N, C-alpha and C. Protein backbone atom coordinates (compact mmCIF):
# COMPACT_ATOMS: atom_id res chain seq x y z
N UNK A 1 4.84 15.57 -23.59
CA UNK A 1 5.37 14.71 -22.57
C UNK A 1 4.29 14.41 -21.53
N UNK A 2 4.37 13.23 -20.95
CA UNK A 2 3.42 12.82 -19.93
C UNK A 2 3.89 13.27 -18.56
N UNK A 3 3.11 14.06 -17.88
CA UNK A 3 3.49 14.54 -16.56
C UNK A 3 3.38 13.43 -15.51
N UNK A 4 2.26 12.71 -15.50
CA UNK A 4 2.05 11.71 -14.46
C UNK A 4 3.04 10.55 -14.57
N UNK A 5 3.29 10.06 -15.77
CA UNK A 5 4.22 8.94 -15.92
C UNK A 5 5.65 9.36 -15.63
N UNK A 6 5.98 10.64 -15.80
CA UNK A 6 7.29 11.14 -15.44
C UNK A 6 7.43 11.34 -13.94
N UNK A 7 6.40 11.85 -13.32
CA UNK A 7 6.46 12.21 -11.91
C UNK A 7 6.27 11.03 -10.97
N UNK A 8 5.36 10.12 -11.31
CA UNK A 8 5.02 9.01 -10.42
C UNK A 8 5.81 7.76 -10.79
N UNK A 9 6.09 6.93 -9.79
CA UNK A 9 6.77 5.66 -10.00
C UNK A 9 5.81 4.55 -9.59
N UNK A 10 5.54 3.63 -10.51
CA UNK A 10 4.59 2.54 -10.28
C UNK A 10 5.35 1.23 -10.08
N UNK A 11 4.87 0.39 -9.17
CA UNK A 11 5.49 -0.91 -8.95
C UNK A 11 4.42 -1.91 -8.50
N UNK A 12 4.60 -3.16 -8.89
CA UNK A 12 3.71 -4.22 -8.42
C UNK A 12 3.91 -4.41 -6.93
N UNK A 13 2.82 -4.71 -6.23
CA UNK A 13 2.90 -4.96 -4.79
C UNK A 13 2.59 -6.40 -4.46
N UNK A 14 1.44 -6.87 -4.87
CA UNK A 14 1.03 -8.26 -4.79
C UNK A 14 0.26 -8.54 -6.08
N UNK A 15 0.70 -9.53 -6.84
CA UNK A 15 0.00 -9.87 -8.07
C UNK A 15 -1.43 -10.32 -7.77
N UNK A 16 -2.38 -10.01 -8.66
CA UNK A 16 -3.77 -10.44 -8.46
C UNK A 16 -3.86 -11.96 -8.30
N UNK A 17 -4.62 -12.38 -7.31
CA UNK A 17 -4.77 -13.80 -7.02
C UNK A 17 -6.13 -14.02 -6.37
N UNK A 18 -6.62 -15.27 -6.43
CA UNK A 18 -7.98 -15.58 -5.98
C UNK A 18 -8.20 -15.37 -4.48
N UNK A 19 -7.19 -15.58 -3.64
CA UNK A 19 -7.33 -15.39 -2.20
C UNK A 19 -6.16 -14.53 -1.72
N UNK A 20 -6.16 -13.28 -2.16
CA UNK A 20 -5.02 -12.39 -1.95
C UNK A 20 -4.68 -12.18 -0.47
N UNK A 21 -5.66 -12.26 0.40
CA UNK A 21 -5.42 -12.02 1.83
C UNK A 21 -5.62 -13.28 2.66
N UNK A 22 -5.12 -14.40 2.18
CA UNK A 22 -5.21 -15.68 2.87
C UNK A 22 -4.43 -15.61 4.18
N UNK A 23 -5.10 -15.85 5.30
CA UNK A 23 -4.46 -15.79 6.62
C UNK A 23 -3.26 -16.73 6.74
N UNK A 24 -3.30 -17.85 6.05
CA UNK A 24 -2.23 -18.84 6.17
C UNK A 24 -0.90 -18.31 5.65
N UNK A 25 -0.93 -17.33 4.74
CA UNK A 25 0.30 -16.83 4.14
C UNK A 25 0.77 -15.50 4.71
N UNK A 26 -0.02 -14.86 5.57
CA UNK A 26 0.27 -13.53 6.13
C UNK A 26 0.79 -12.61 5.01
N UNK A 27 -0.10 -12.19 4.13
CA UNK A 27 0.31 -11.41 2.96
C UNK A 27 0.99 -10.09 3.29
N UNK A 28 2.10 -9.85 2.59
CA UNK A 28 2.80 -8.57 2.65
C UNK A 28 3.13 -8.17 1.22
N UNK A 29 3.16 -6.88 0.97
CA UNK A 29 3.55 -6.40 -0.35
C UNK A 29 5.06 -6.48 -0.49
N UNK A 30 5.55 -6.16 -1.67
CA UNK A 30 6.98 -5.96 -1.82
C UNK A 30 7.39 -4.81 -0.91
N UNK A 31 8.67 -4.64 -0.70
CA UNK A 31 9.21 -3.56 0.11
C UNK A 31 9.74 -2.48 -0.84
N UNK A 32 9.45 -1.22 -0.52
CA UNK A 32 9.81 -0.10 -1.41
C UNK A 32 10.68 0.91 -0.69
N UNK A 33 11.64 1.45 -1.42
CA UNK A 33 12.48 2.51 -0.89
C UNK A 33 11.73 3.83 -0.96
N UNK A 34 11.71 4.55 0.14
CA UNK A 34 11.09 5.87 0.18
C UNK A 34 12.14 6.97 0.05
N UNK A 35 13.38 6.58 -0.09
CA UNK A 35 14.45 7.58 -0.26
C UNK A 35 14.23 8.31 -1.57
N UNK A 36 14.13 9.62 -1.50
CA UNK A 36 13.89 10.41 -2.69
C UNK A 36 12.41 10.53 -3.05
N UNK A 37 11.55 9.97 -2.21
CA UNK A 37 10.10 10.05 -2.45
C UNK A 37 9.43 10.59 -1.20
N UNK A 38 8.54 11.53 -1.39
CA UNK A 38 7.85 12.14 -0.27
C UNK A 38 6.65 11.35 0.21
N UNK A 39 5.98 10.64 -0.73
CA UNK A 39 4.75 9.93 -0.39
C UNK A 39 4.68 8.63 -1.16
N UNK A 40 3.98 7.68 -0.58
CA UNK A 40 3.73 6.41 -1.26
C UNK A 40 2.28 6.03 -1.09
N UNK A 41 1.71 5.39 -2.10
CA UNK A 41 0.30 5.02 -2.07
C UNK A 41 0.15 3.55 -2.44
N UNK A 42 -0.43 2.76 -1.54
CA UNK A 42 -0.78 1.38 -1.83
C UNK A 42 -2.21 1.39 -2.37
N UNK A 43 -2.41 0.83 -3.55
CA UNK A 43 -3.73 0.73 -4.16
C UNK A 43 -4.11 -0.75 -4.15
N UNK A 44 -5.12 -1.09 -3.36
CA UNK A 44 -5.59 -2.46 -3.25
C UNK A 44 -6.91 -2.53 -4.01
N UNK A 45 -6.92 -3.37 -5.04
CA UNK A 45 -8.13 -3.51 -5.86
C UNK A 45 -8.70 -4.90 -5.61
N UNK A 46 -9.91 -4.94 -5.05
CA UNK A 46 -10.56 -6.20 -4.74
C UNK A 46 -11.73 -6.38 -5.68
N UNK A 47 -11.74 -7.51 -6.36
CA UNK A 47 -12.80 -7.84 -7.30
C UNK A 47 -13.88 -8.65 -6.61
N UNK A 48 -13.93 -9.94 -6.91
CA UNK A 48 -14.95 -10.83 -6.36
C UNK A 48 -14.60 -11.19 -4.93
N UNK A 49 -15.58 -11.16 -4.05
CA UNK A 49 -15.40 -11.52 -2.65
C UNK A 49 -16.25 -10.64 -1.77
N UNK A 50 -17.51 -10.95 -1.63
CA UNK A 50 -18.47 -10.04 -1.01
C UNK A 50 -18.38 -9.94 0.51
N UNK A 51 -17.84 -10.95 1.18
CA UNK A 51 -17.91 -10.93 2.65
C UNK A 51 -16.56 -10.80 3.34
N UNK A 52 -15.46 -10.97 2.63
CA UNK A 52 -14.15 -10.92 3.27
C UNK A 52 -13.76 -9.52 3.71
N UNK A 53 -13.11 -9.44 4.87
CA UNK A 53 -12.53 -8.18 5.35
C UNK A 53 -11.09 -8.44 5.76
N UNK A 54 -10.31 -7.38 5.82
CA UNK A 54 -8.90 -7.49 6.14
C UNK A 54 -8.52 -6.39 7.11
N UNK A 55 -7.58 -6.68 8.01
CA UNK A 55 -6.97 -5.64 8.83
C UNK A 55 -5.61 -5.36 8.21
N UNK A 56 -5.43 -4.13 7.73
CA UNK A 56 -4.23 -3.74 7.00
C UNK A 56 -3.39 -2.76 7.81
N UNK A 57 -2.08 -2.93 7.72
CA UNK A 57 -1.14 -2.02 8.36
C UNK A 57 -0.08 -1.61 7.35
N UNK A 58 0.68 -0.60 7.69
CA UNK A 58 1.84 -0.18 6.90
C UNK A 58 3.04 -0.27 7.84
N UNK A 59 4.13 -0.86 7.35
CA UNK A 59 5.32 -1.02 8.16
C UNK A 59 6.52 -0.29 7.56
N UNK A 60 7.25 0.40 8.40
CA UNK A 60 8.57 0.91 8.02
C UNK A 60 9.52 -0.27 8.13
N UNK A 61 10.45 -0.39 7.17
CA UNK A 61 11.38 -1.52 7.13
C UNK A 61 12.81 -1.00 7.08
N UNK A 62 13.72 -1.76 7.67
CA UNK A 62 15.12 -1.35 7.70
C UNK A 62 15.87 -1.65 6.40
N UNK A 63 15.31 -2.49 5.54
CA UNK A 63 15.98 -2.89 4.31
C UNK A 63 14.93 -3.47 3.37
N UNK A 64 15.36 -3.77 2.15
CA UNK A 64 14.44 -4.35 1.17
C UNK A 64 14.07 -5.79 1.55
N UNK A 65 14.93 -6.47 2.28
CA UNK A 65 14.61 -7.76 2.90
C UNK A 65 14.69 -7.51 4.40
N UNK A 66 13.60 -7.05 5.00
CA UNK A 66 13.68 -6.48 6.34
C UNK A 66 14.00 -7.49 7.44
N UNK A 67 14.93 -7.08 8.30
CA UNK A 67 15.19 -7.78 9.54
C UNK A 67 14.35 -7.14 10.64
N UNK A 68 14.20 -5.82 10.54
CA UNK A 68 13.44 -5.06 11.52
C UNK A 68 12.33 -4.28 10.83
N UNK A 69 11.16 -4.27 11.45
CA UNK A 69 10.03 -3.51 10.95
C UNK A 69 9.36 -2.78 12.11
N UNK A 70 8.61 -1.75 11.77
CA UNK A 70 7.89 -0.98 12.77
C UNK A 70 6.60 -0.48 12.14
N UNK A 71 5.46 -0.88 12.69
CA UNK A 71 4.18 -0.41 12.17
C UNK A 71 4.10 1.10 12.35
N UNK A 72 3.58 1.80 11.34
CA UNK A 72 3.50 3.26 11.37
C UNK A 72 2.08 3.72 11.05
N UNK A 73 1.77 4.94 11.43
CA UNK A 73 0.48 5.55 11.10
C UNK A 73 0.45 5.86 9.60
N UNK A 74 -0.75 5.93 9.03
CA UNK A 74 -0.93 6.19 7.61
C UNK A 74 -2.34 6.76 7.40
N UNK A 75 -2.63 7.12 6.16
CA UNK A 75 -3.94 7.64 5.77
C UNK A 75 -4.64 6.58 4.93
N UNK A 76 -5.98 6.51 5.00
CA UNK A 76 -6.71 5.55 4.17
C UNK A 76 -7.98 6.17 3.60
N UNK A 77 -8.45 5.52 2.55
CA UNK A 77 -9.72 5.87 1.92
C UNK A 77 -10.21 4.62 1.21
N UNK A 78 -11.53 4.40 1.22
CA UNK A 78 -12.12 3.29 0.48
C UNK A 78 -13.05 3.83 -0.59
N UNK A 79 -13.08 3.14 -1.71
CA UNK A 79 -14.01 3.43 -2.79
C UNK A 79 -14.81 2.15 -2.99
N UNK A 80 -16.05 2.17 -2.51
CA UNK A 80 -16.84 0.95 -2.47
C UNK A 80 -17.73 0.76 -3.70
N UNK A 81 -18.12 1.84 -4.35
CA UNK A 81 -18.93 1.74 -5.58
C UNK A 81 -18.51 2.85 -6.54
N UNK A 82 -18.27 2.46 -7.78
CA UNK A 82 -17.92 3.46 -8.80
C UNK A 82 -16.75 4.31 -8.37
N UNK A 83 -17.00 5.62 -8.27
CA UNK A 83 -15.95 6.53 -7.80
C UNK A 83 -16.37 7.26 -6.53
N UNK A 84 -17.31 6.66 -5.77
CA UNK A 84 -17.78 7.26 -4.52
C UNK A 84 -16.74 6.99 -3.43
N UNK A 85 -16.08 8.05 -2.99
CA UNK A 85 -14.97 7.93 -2.05
C UNK A 85 -15.45 8.14 -0.61
N UNK A 86 -14.86 7.38 0.30
CA UNK A 86 -15.09 7.63 1.72
C UNK A 86 -14.20 8.80 2.15
N UNK A 87 -14.36 9.22 3.37
CA UNK A 87 -13.50 10.28 3.90
C UNK A 87 -12.07 9.76 4.01
N UNK A 88 -11.11 10.66 3.87
CA UNK A 88 -9.72 10.31 4.11
C UNK A 88 -9.54 10.29 5.63
N UNK A 89 -9.02 9.16 6.13
CA UNK A 89 -8.96 8.95 7.58
C UNK A 89 -7.53 8.63 8.01
N UNK A 90 -7.10 9.28 9.07
CA UNK A 90 -5.78 8.98 9.65
C UNK A 90 -5.91 7.70 10.46
N UNK A 91 -5.04 6.74 10.20
CA UNK A 91 -5.07 5.45 10.88
C UNK A 91 -3.87 5.31 11.80
N UNK A 92 -4.10 4.71 12.95
CA UNK A 92 -3.01 4.44 13.89
C UNK A 92 -2.15 3.31 13.35
N UNK A 93 -1.00 3.10 13.94
CA UNK A 93 -0.09 2.06 13.51
C UNK A 93 -0.73 0.67 13.58
N UNK A 94 -1.75 0.50 14.41
CA UNK A 94 -2.43 -0.79 14.54
C UNK A 94 -3.22 -1.16 13.28
N UNK A 95 -3.44 -0.20 12.39
CA UNK A 95 -4.15 -0.46 11.13
C UNK A 95 -5.65 -0.32 11.27
N UNK A 96 -6.35 -0.84 10.26
CA UNK A 96 -7.82 -0.78 10.28
C UNK A 96 -8.38 -1.94 9.48
N UNK A 97 -9.64 -2.27 9.75
CA UNK A 97 -10.33 -3.35 9.03
C UNK A 97 -11.12 -2.75 7.88
N UNK A 98 -10.97 -3.35 6.71
CA UNK A 98 -11.67 -2.87 5.52
C UNK A 98 -13.15 -3.21 5.59
N UNK A 99 -13.92 -2.55 4.77
CA UNK A 99 -15.34 -2.82 4.64
C UNK A 99 -15.53 -4.01 3.70
N UNK A 100 -16.45 -4.92 4.05
CA UNK A 100 -16.74 -6.07 3.19
C UNK A 100 -17.39 -5.59 1.89
N UNK A 101 -17.13 -6.31 0.80
CA UNK A 101 -17.79 -5.99 -0.46
C UNK A 101 -16.92 -6.31 -1.66
N UNK A 102 -17.58 -6.59 -2.76
CA UNK A 102 -16.89 -6.85 -4.03
C UNK A 102 -16.68 -5.55 -4.77
N UNK A 103 -15.73 -5.55 -5.71
CA UNK A 103 -15.52 -4.40 -6.58
C UNK A 103 -15.19 -3.14 -5.84
N UNK A 104 -14.17 -3.19 -4.97
CA UNK A 104 -13.81 -2.01 -4.17
C UNK A 104 -12.32 -1.71 -4.32
N UNK A 105 -11.97 -0.48 -3.99
CA UNK A 105 -10.58 -0.04 -3.98
C UNK A 105 -10.29 0.49 -2.58
N UNK A 106 -9.17 0.06 -2.03
CA UNK A 106 -8.72 0.56 -0.73
C UNK A 106 -7.39 1.26 -0.96
N UNK A 107 -7.27 2.49 -0.48
CA UNK A 107 -6.06 3.28 -0.66
C UNK A 107 -5.39 3.50 0.70
N UNK A 108 -4.09 3.23 0.77
CA UNK A 108 -3.30 3.48 1.98
C UNK A 108 -2.16 4.40 1.59
N UNK A 109 -2.10 5.58 2.19
CA UNK A 109 -1.06 6.55 1.84
C UNK A 109 -0.11 6.74 3.01
N UNK A 110 1.18 6.70 2.70
CA UNK A 110 2.20 6.90 3.72
C UNK A 110 3.03 8.13 3.36
N UNK A 111 3.35 8.89 4.38
CA UNK A 111 4.21 10.06 4.23
C UNK A 111 5.60 9.66 4.70
N UNK A 112 6.62 9.99 3.94
CA UNK A 112 7.99 9.63 4.33
C UNK A 112 8.34 10.14 5.72
N UNK A 113 7.71 11.23 6.15
CA UNK A 113 7.96 11.77 7.50
C UNK A 113 7.54 10.78 8.58
N UNK A 114 6.53 9.95 8.28
CA UNK A 114 6.06 8.98 9.27
C UNK A 114 7.06 7.85 9.49
N UNK A 115 8.01 7.68 8.59
CA UNK A 115 9.06 6.68 8.76
C UNK A 115 10.18 7.19 9.65
N UNK A 116 10.25 8.49 9.85
CA UNK A 116 11.38 9.13 10.52
C UNK A 116 11.63 8.58 11.93
N UNK A 117 10.58 8.36 12.70
CA UNK A 117 10.75 7.88 14.07
C UNK A 117 11.42 6.51 14.11
N UNK A 118 11.18 5.70 13.10
CA UNK A 118 11.77 4.36 13.06
C UNK A 118 13.23 4.40 12.60
N UNK A 119 13.57 5.44 11.85
CA UNK A 119 14.91 5.53 11.28
C UNK A 119 15.08 4.69 10.03
N UNK A 120 13.99 4.10 9.55
CA UNK A 120 14.05 3.22 8.39
C UNK A 120 13.66 3.98 7.13
N UNK A 121 14.13 3.52 5.97
CA UNK A 121 13.86 4.20 4.71
C UNK A 121 13.04 3.40 3.73
N UNK A 122 12.46 2.28 4.19
CA UNK A 122 11.68 1.42 3.30
C UNK A 122 10.29 1.21 3.90
N UNK A 123 9.35 0.78 3.06
CA UNK A 123 7.97 0.63 3.51
C UNK A 123 7.31 -0.55 2.81
N UNK A 124 6.34 -1.17 3.50
CA UNK A 124 5.53 -2.23 2.91
C UNK A 124 4.15 -2.23 3.56
N UNK A 125 3.19 -2.86 2.87
CA UNK A 125 1.84 -3.06 3.41
C UNK A 125 1.76 -4.48 3.92
N UNK A 126 1.08 -4.67 5.04
CA UNK A 126 0.94 -6.00 5.62
C UNK A 126 -0.48 -6.20 6.12
N UNK A 127 -1.00 -7.41 5.92
CA UNK A 127 -2.27 -7.78 6.53
C UNK A 127 -1.96 -8.42 7.87
N UNK A 128 -2.56 -7.91 8.94
CA UNK A 128 -2.31 -8.50 10.25
C UNK A 128 -3.39 -9.48 10.65
N UNK A 129 -4.57 -9.38 10.05
CA UNK A 129 -5.66 -10.30 10.38
C UNK A 129 -6.68 -10.30 9.24
N UNK A 130 -7.43 -11.35 9.17
CA UNK A 130 -8.55 -11.46 8.24
C UNK A 130 -9.79 -11.69 9.11
N UNK A 131 -10.39 -10.60 9.67
CA UNK A 131 -11.51 -10.76 10.60
C UNK A 131 -12.65 -11.61 10.05
N UNK A 132 -12.96 -11.46 8.77
CA UNK A 132 -13.94 -12.33 8.11
C UNK A 132 -13.18 -13.12 7.06
N UNK A 133 -12.94 -14.40 7.34
CA UNK A 133 -12.14 -15.25 6.46
C UNK A 133 -12.99 -15.73 5.30
N UNK A 134 -12.96 -14.97 4.22
CA UNK A 134 -13.68 -15.31 3.00
C UNK A 134 -12.81 -14.83 1.84
N UNK A 135 -12.39 -15.74 0.95
CA UNK A 135 -11.47 -15.36 -0.12
C UNK A 135 -11.97 -14.18 -0.96
N UNK A 136 -11.03 -13.29 -1.28
CA UNK A 136 -11.33 -12.18 -2.19
C UNK A 136 -10.27 -12.18 -3.29
N UNK A 137 -10.71 -11.94 -4.51
CA UNK A 137 -9.81 -11.79 -5.65
C UNK A 137 -9.26 -10.38 -5.61
N UNK A 138 -7.95 -10.23 -5.66
CA UNK A 138 -7.42 -8.88 -5.61
C UNK A 138 -5.93 -8.82 -5.84
N UNK A 139 -5.42 -7.60 -5.86
CA UNK A 139 -4.01 -7.34 -6.04
C UNK A 139 -3.66 -5.98 -5.46
N UNK A 140 -2.35 -5.72 -5.37
CA UNK A 140 -1.86 -4.48 -4.77
C UNK A 140 -0.86 -3.83 -5.71
N UNK A 141 -1.00 -2.51 -5.88
CA UNK A 141 -0.10 -1.69 -6.68
C UNK A 141 0.48 -0.63 -5.75
N UNK A 142 1.75 -0.24 -5.95
CA UNK A 142 2.36 0.81 -5.17
C UNK A 142 2.75 1.95 -6.09
N UNK A 143 2.45 3.18 -5.67
CA UNK A 143 2.78 4.37 -6.44
C UNK A 143 3.58 5.30 -5.54
N UNK A 144 4.79 5.66 -5.99
CA UNK A 144 5.63 6.60 -5.24
C UNK A 144 5.60 7.94 -5.95
N UNK A 145 5.55 8.99 -5.16
CA UNK A 145 5.55 10.35 -5.70
C UNK A 145 6.86 10.99 -5.34
N UNK A 146 7.62 11.38 -6.35
CA UNK A 146 8.92 12.00 -6.12
C UNK A 146 8.78 13.46 -5.76
N UNK A 147 9.83 13.97 -5.22
CA UNK A 147 9.89 15.40 -4.92
C UNK A 147 9.87 16.18 -6.23
N UNK A 148 9.46 17.44 -6.24
CA UNK A 148 9.45 18.21 -7.48
C UNK A 148 10.82 18.18 -8.17
N UNK A 149 10.80 17.93 -9.47
CA UNK A 149 12.03 17.87 -10.24
C UNK A 149 12.84 16.62 -10.00
N UNK A 150 12.23 15.60 -9.37
CA UNK A 150 12.93 14.37 -8.99
C UNK A 150 13.45 13.62 -10.21
N UNK A 151 12.68 13.57 -11.28
CA UNK A 151 13.05 12.76 -12.43
C UNK A 151 13.36 13.63 -13.65
N UNK A 152 14.53 13.41 -14.21
CA UNK A 152 14.88 14.08 -15.45
C UNK A 152 14.99 13.07 -16.58
N UNK A 153 14.87 11.78 -16.26
CA UNK A 153 15.02 10.73 -17.26
C UNK A 153 13.65 10.33 -17.82
N UNK A 154 13.70 9.58 -18.93
CA UNK A 154 12.46 9.02 -19.48
C UNK A 154 12.04 7.78 -18.70
N UNK A 155 12.99 7.09 -18.07
CA UNK A 155 12.68 5.91 -17.28
C UNK A 155 13.10 6.19 -15.86
N UNK A 156 12.14 6.08 -14.92
CA UNK A 156 12.40 6.40 -13.54
C UNK A 156 13.30 5.36 -12.87
N UNK A 157 14.05 5.79 -11.88
CA UNK A 157 14.92 4.89 -11.11
C UNK A 157 14.07 3.89 -10.33
N UNK A 158 14.64 2.72 -10.04
CA UNK A 158 13.91 1.69 -9.33
C UNK A 158 13.64 2.08 -7.88
N UNK A 159 12.53 1.58 -7.33
CA UNK A 159 12.24 1.73 -5.91
C UNK A 159 12.33 0.37 -5.23
N UNK A 160 12.53 -0.69 -6.02
CA UNK A 160 12.74 -2.02 -5.48
C UNK A 160 14.24 -2.27 -5.56
N UNK A 161 14.92 -2.09 -4.45
CA UNK A 161 16.38 -2.12 -4.43
C UNK A 161 16.88 -3.55 -4.29
């Protein structure tokens, strides 16, 4: 049996597109339920686009189609070449600006405890600004980690409600 595919729940966040962080569209990922999940990880994979940067935030949401949102603190890490990882850094609710460059991975991790102050049970990633407006090819994947023993089925329950 596969441990990782049983334990983790994968979902599309933003399909890969040529200008994934276009300021005109104010990109946001899908909204995910954190109920029954202790942690969530946004994986942003940027291909071509050497000069573009983004300011990314994580928002707690009141529903899958949010009426109310609240920016929350989160953890981040960038992988700019191969598998060379930056330090894991705690980010304030205001977010942070990514490093320019092609072929990079940006990781944003949220702890369900960080949603507690908002009282909301859903989460999404949002770009608040594109400090260097230069198109980048990229996409976003979301991975939820269930509590131990969370899944007994072969197919995990949905996180997109």
